[in-house]
């Protein structure tokens, strides 16, 4: 199931949270996905990613809005501010979503309850 190296994970969290603004949504999604895959949940990392994502979510295209919700749901983390922002942004443009984006965002909201 892979090697769990706490020092490596902590170093990734330190690097990512120190310069969170330099990452784009895909970078953040990749990091969050990696932590979810190895069943690691680091509050500092997820809080920093949520804050960065929430601040920019209204500027995201529809697919990125869905992906923002997905990356937290995949990790089993519900951040109220992020999901509230995703809901508001998605609702404004809901008619412009493709079916895959609709499926992703519905799954994410269902997953986190």
C-alpha atoms as a PDB file:
ATOM      1  CA  UNK A   1       0.000   0.000   0.000  1.00  0.00           C
ATOM      2  CA  UNK A   2       3.020   2.278  -0.249  1.00  0.00           C
ATOM      3  CA  UNK A   3       5.552   3.724   2.104  1.00  0.00           C
ATOM      4  CA  UNK A   4       4.316   6.134   4.717  1.00  0.00           C
ATOM      5  CA  UNK A   5       7.065   8.614   5.453  1.00  0.00           C
ATOM      6  CA  UNK A   6       5.856  11.136   8.011  1.00  0.00           C
ATOM      7  CA  UNK A   7       8.924  13.346   7.534  1.00  0.00           C
ATOM      8  CA  UNK A   8       8.276  13.559   3.802  1.00  0.00           C
ATOM      9  CA  UNK A   9       4.579  14.367   4.294  1.00  0.00           C
ATOM     10  CA  UNK A  10       5.424  17.029   6.879  1.00  0.00           C
ATOM     11  CA  UNK A  11       8.005  18.561   4.523  1.00  0.00           C
ATOM     12  CA  UNK A  12       5.431  18.694   1.710  1.00  0.00           C
ATOM     13  CA  UNK A  13       2.916  20.365   4.028  1.00  0.00           C
ATOM     14  CA  UNK A  14       5.518  22.902   5.188  1.00  0.00           C
ATOM     15  CA  UNK A  15       6.554  23.733   1.614  1.00  0.00           C
ATOM     16  CA  UNK A  16       3.002  23.952   0.305  1.00  0.00           C
ATOM     17  CA  UNK A  17       1.605  26.036   3.147  1.00  0.00           C
ATOM     18  CA  UNK A  18       4.591  28.421   3.159  1.00  0.00           C
ATOM     19  CA  UNK A  19       3.966  29.435  -0.450  1.00  0.00           C
ATOM     20  CA  UNK A  20       0.339  28.435  -1.078  1.00  0.00           C
ATOM     21  CA  UNK A  21      -0.269  31.380  -3.398  1.00  0.00           C
ATOM     22  CA  UNK A  22       2.228  30.097  -5.960  1.00  0.00           C
ATOM     23  CA  UNK A  23       0.163  26.972  -6.668  1.00  0.00           C
ATOM     24  CA  UNK A  24      -2.667  26.781  -9.183  1.00  0.00           C
ATOM     25  CA  UNK A  25      -5.816  24.739  -8.577  1.00  0.00           C
ATOM     26  CA  UNK A  26      -4.397  21.677 -10.328  1.00  0.00           C
ATOM     27  CA  UNK A  27      -1.283  21.792  -8.139  1.00  0.00           C
ATOM     28  CA  UNK A  28      -3.426  22.006  -5.024  1.00  0.00           C
ATOM     29  CA  UNK A  29      -5.717  19.225  -6.221  1.00  0.00           C
ATOM     30  CA  UNK A  30      -2.720  16.985  -6.881  1.00  0.00           C
ATOM     31  CA  UNK A  31      -1.325  17.546  -3.389  1.00  0.00           C
ATOM     32  CA  UNK A  32      -4.700  17.021  -1.688  1.00  0.00           C
ATOM     33  CA  UNK A  33      -5.350  13.909  -3.810  1.00  0.00           C
ATOM     34  CA  UNK A  34      -1.968  12.468  -2.821  1.00  0.00           C
ATOM     35  CA  UNK A  35      -2.711  12.953   0.865  1.00  0.00           C
ATOM     36  CA  UNK A  36      -6.192  11.448   0.486  1.00  0.00           C
ATOM     37  CA  UNK A  37      -4.770   8.454  -1.382  1.00  0.00           C
ATOM     38  CA  UNK A  38      -2.486   7.554   1.519  1.00  0.00           C
ATOM     39  CA  UNK A  39      -5.229   8.302   4.067  1.00  0.00           C
ATOM     40  CA  UNK A  40      -3.398  11.308   5.466  1.00  0.00           C
ATOM     41  CA  UNK A  41      -5.318  14.362   6.524  1.00  0.00           C
ATOM     42  CA  UNK A  42      -3.222  17.310   7.609  1.00  0.00           C
ATOM     43  CA  UNK A  43      -5.301  20.179   8.991  1.00  0.00           C
ATOM     44  CA  UNK A  44      -2.765  22.913   8.151  1.00  0.00           C
ATOM     45  CA  UNK A  45      -2.564  21.779   4.535  1.00  0.00           C
ATOM     46  CA  UNK A  46      -6.303  21.365   4.025  1.00  0.00           C
ATOM     47  CA  UNK A  47      -7.081  24.654   5.789  1.00  0.00           C
ATOM     48  CA  UNK A  48      -4.541  26.526   3.638  1.00  0.00           C
ATOM     49  CA  UNK A  49      -5.822  24.945   0.440  1.00  0.00           C
ATOM     50  CA  UNK A  50      -9.425  25.704   1.428  1.00  0.00           C
ATOM     51  CA  UNK A  51      -8.589  29.338   2.128  1.00  0.00           C
ATOM     52  CA  UNK A  52      -6.717  29.753  -1.181  1.00  0.00           C
ATOM     53  CA  UNK A  53      -9.451  27.997  -3.137  1.00  0.00           C
ATOM     54  CA  UNK A  54     -12.330  29.841  -1.472  1.00  0.00           C
ATOM     55  CA  UNK A  55     -10.716  33.203  -2.234  1.00  0.00           C
ATOM     56  CA  UNK A  56     -10.525  32.399  -5.957  1.00  0.00           C
ATOM     57  CA  UNK A  57     -13.476  30.085  -6.630  1.00  0.00           C
ATOM     58  CA  UNK A  58     -15.677  32.746  -8.218  1.00  0.00           C
ATOM     59  CA  UNK A  59     -12.908  33.256 -10.807  1.00  0.00           C
ATOM     60  CA  UNK A  60     -12.769  29.541 -11.674  1.00  0.00           C
ATOM     61  CA  UNK A  61     -14.422  28.098 -14.725  1.00  0.00           C
ATOM     62  CA  UNK A  62     -17.228  25.614 -14.071  1.00  0.00           C
ATOM     63  CA  UNK A  63     -14.999  22.537 -14.259  1.00  0.00           C
ATOM     64  CA  UNK A  64     -12.554  23.999 -11.753  1.00  0.00           C
ATOM     65  CA  UNK A  65     -15.425  24.841  -9.398  1.00  0.00           C
ATOM     66  CA  UNK A  66     -16.505  21.203  -9.512  1.00  0.00           C
ATOM     67  CA  UNK A  67     -12.904  20.028  -9.065  1.00  0.00           C
ATOM     68  CA  UNK A  68     -12.466  22.247  -6.002  1.00  0.00           C
ATOM     69  CA  UNK A  69     -15.407  20.542  -4.306  1.00  0.00           C
ATOM     70  CA  UNK A  70     -14.221  17.130  -5.521  1.00  0.00           C
ATOM     71  CA  UNK A  71     -10.722  17.403  -4.066  1.00  0.00           C
ATOM     72  CA  UNK A  72     -12.069  18.002  -0.569  1.00  0.00           C
ATOM     73  CA  UNK A  73     -14.819  15.407  -0.818  1.00  0.00           C
ATOM     74  CA  UNK A  74     -12.284  12.834  -2.044  1.00  0.00           C
ATOM     75  CA  UNK A  75     -10.233  13.498   1.078  1.00  0.00           C
ATOM     76  CA  UNK A  76     -13.346  13.242   3.261  1.00  0.00           C
ATOM     77  CA  UNK A  77     -13.011  16.828   4.411  1.00  0.00           C
ATOM     78  CA  UNK A  78     -15.874  19.277   4.528  1.00  0.00           C
ATOM     79  CA  UNK A  79     -14.820  22.891   4.707  1.00  0.00           C
ATOM     80  CA  UNK A  80     -17.952  24.980   5.159  1.00  0.00           C
ATOM     81  CA  UNK A  81     -16.549  28.126   3.558  1.00  0.00           C
ATOM     82  CA  UNK A  82     -15.226  26.269   0.529  1.00  0.00           C
ATOM     83  CA  UNK A  83     -18.445  24.325  -0.059  1.00  0.00           C
ATOM     84  CA  UNK A  84     -20.589  27.427   0.509  1.00  0.00           C
ATOM     85  CA  UNK A  85     -18.492  29.328  -2.043  1.00  0.00           C
ATOM     86  CA  UNK A  86     -18.617  26.428  -4.501  1.00  0.00           C
ATOM     87  CA  UNK A  87     -22.392  26.209  -4.125  1.00  0.00           C
ATOM     88  CA  UNK A  88     -22.873  29.926  -4.736  1.00  0.00           C
ATOM     89  CA  UNK A  89     -20.505  30.026  -7.721  1.00  0.00           C
ATOM     90  CA  UNK A  90     -21.954  26.883  -9.291  1.00  0.00           C
ATOM     91  CA  UNK A  91     -25.559  27.982  -8.803  1.00  0.00           C
ATOM     92  CA  UNK A  92     -24.946  31.176 -10.759  1.00  0.00           C
ATOM     93  CA  UNK A  93     -23.782  29.198 -13.819  1.00  0.00           C
ATOM     94  CA  UNK A  94     -25.539  25.854 -13.299  1.00  0.00           C
ATOM     95  CA  UNK A  95     -27.086  25.860 -16.783  1.00  0.00           C
ATOM     96  CA  UNK A  96     -23.630  26.081 -18.342  1.00  0.00           C
ATOM     97  CA  UNK A  97     -22.246  22.968 -16.633  1.00  0.00           C
ATOM     98  CA  UNK A  98     -21.480  19.940 -18.773  1.00  0.00           C
ATOM     99  CA  UNK A  99     -22.860  16.646 -17.517  1.00  0.00           C
ATOM    100  CA  UNK A 100     -19.459  15.576 -16.149  1.00  0.00           C
ATOM    101  CA  UNK A 101     -19.158  18.787 -14.124  1.00  0.00           C
ATOM    102  CA  UNK A 102     -22.669  18.329 -12.770  1.00  0.00           C
ATOM    103  CA  UNK A 103     -21.874  14.749 -11.798  1.00  0.00           C
ATOM    104  CA  UNK A 104     -18.666  15.776 -10.058  1.00  0.00           C
ATOM    105  CA  UNK A 105     -20.215  18.559  -8.030  1.00  0.00           C
ATOM    106  CA  UNK A 106     -23.282  16.513  -7.071  1.00  0.00           C
ATOM    107  CA  UNK A 107     -21.018  13.626  -5.967  1.00  0.00           C
ATOM    108  CA  UNK A 108     -18.816  15.981  -3.934  1.00  0.00           C
ATOM    109  CA  UNK A 109     -21.760  17.504  -2.066  1.00  0.00           C
ATOM    110  CA  UNK A 110     -23.332  14.090  -1.471  1.00  0.00           C
ATOM    111  CA  UNK A 111     -20.019  12.680  -0.229  1.00  0.00           C
ATOM    112  CA  UNK A 112     -19.503  15.347   2.430  1.00  0.00           C
ATOM    113  CA  UNK A 113     -23.162  15.510   3.422  1.00  0.00           C
END
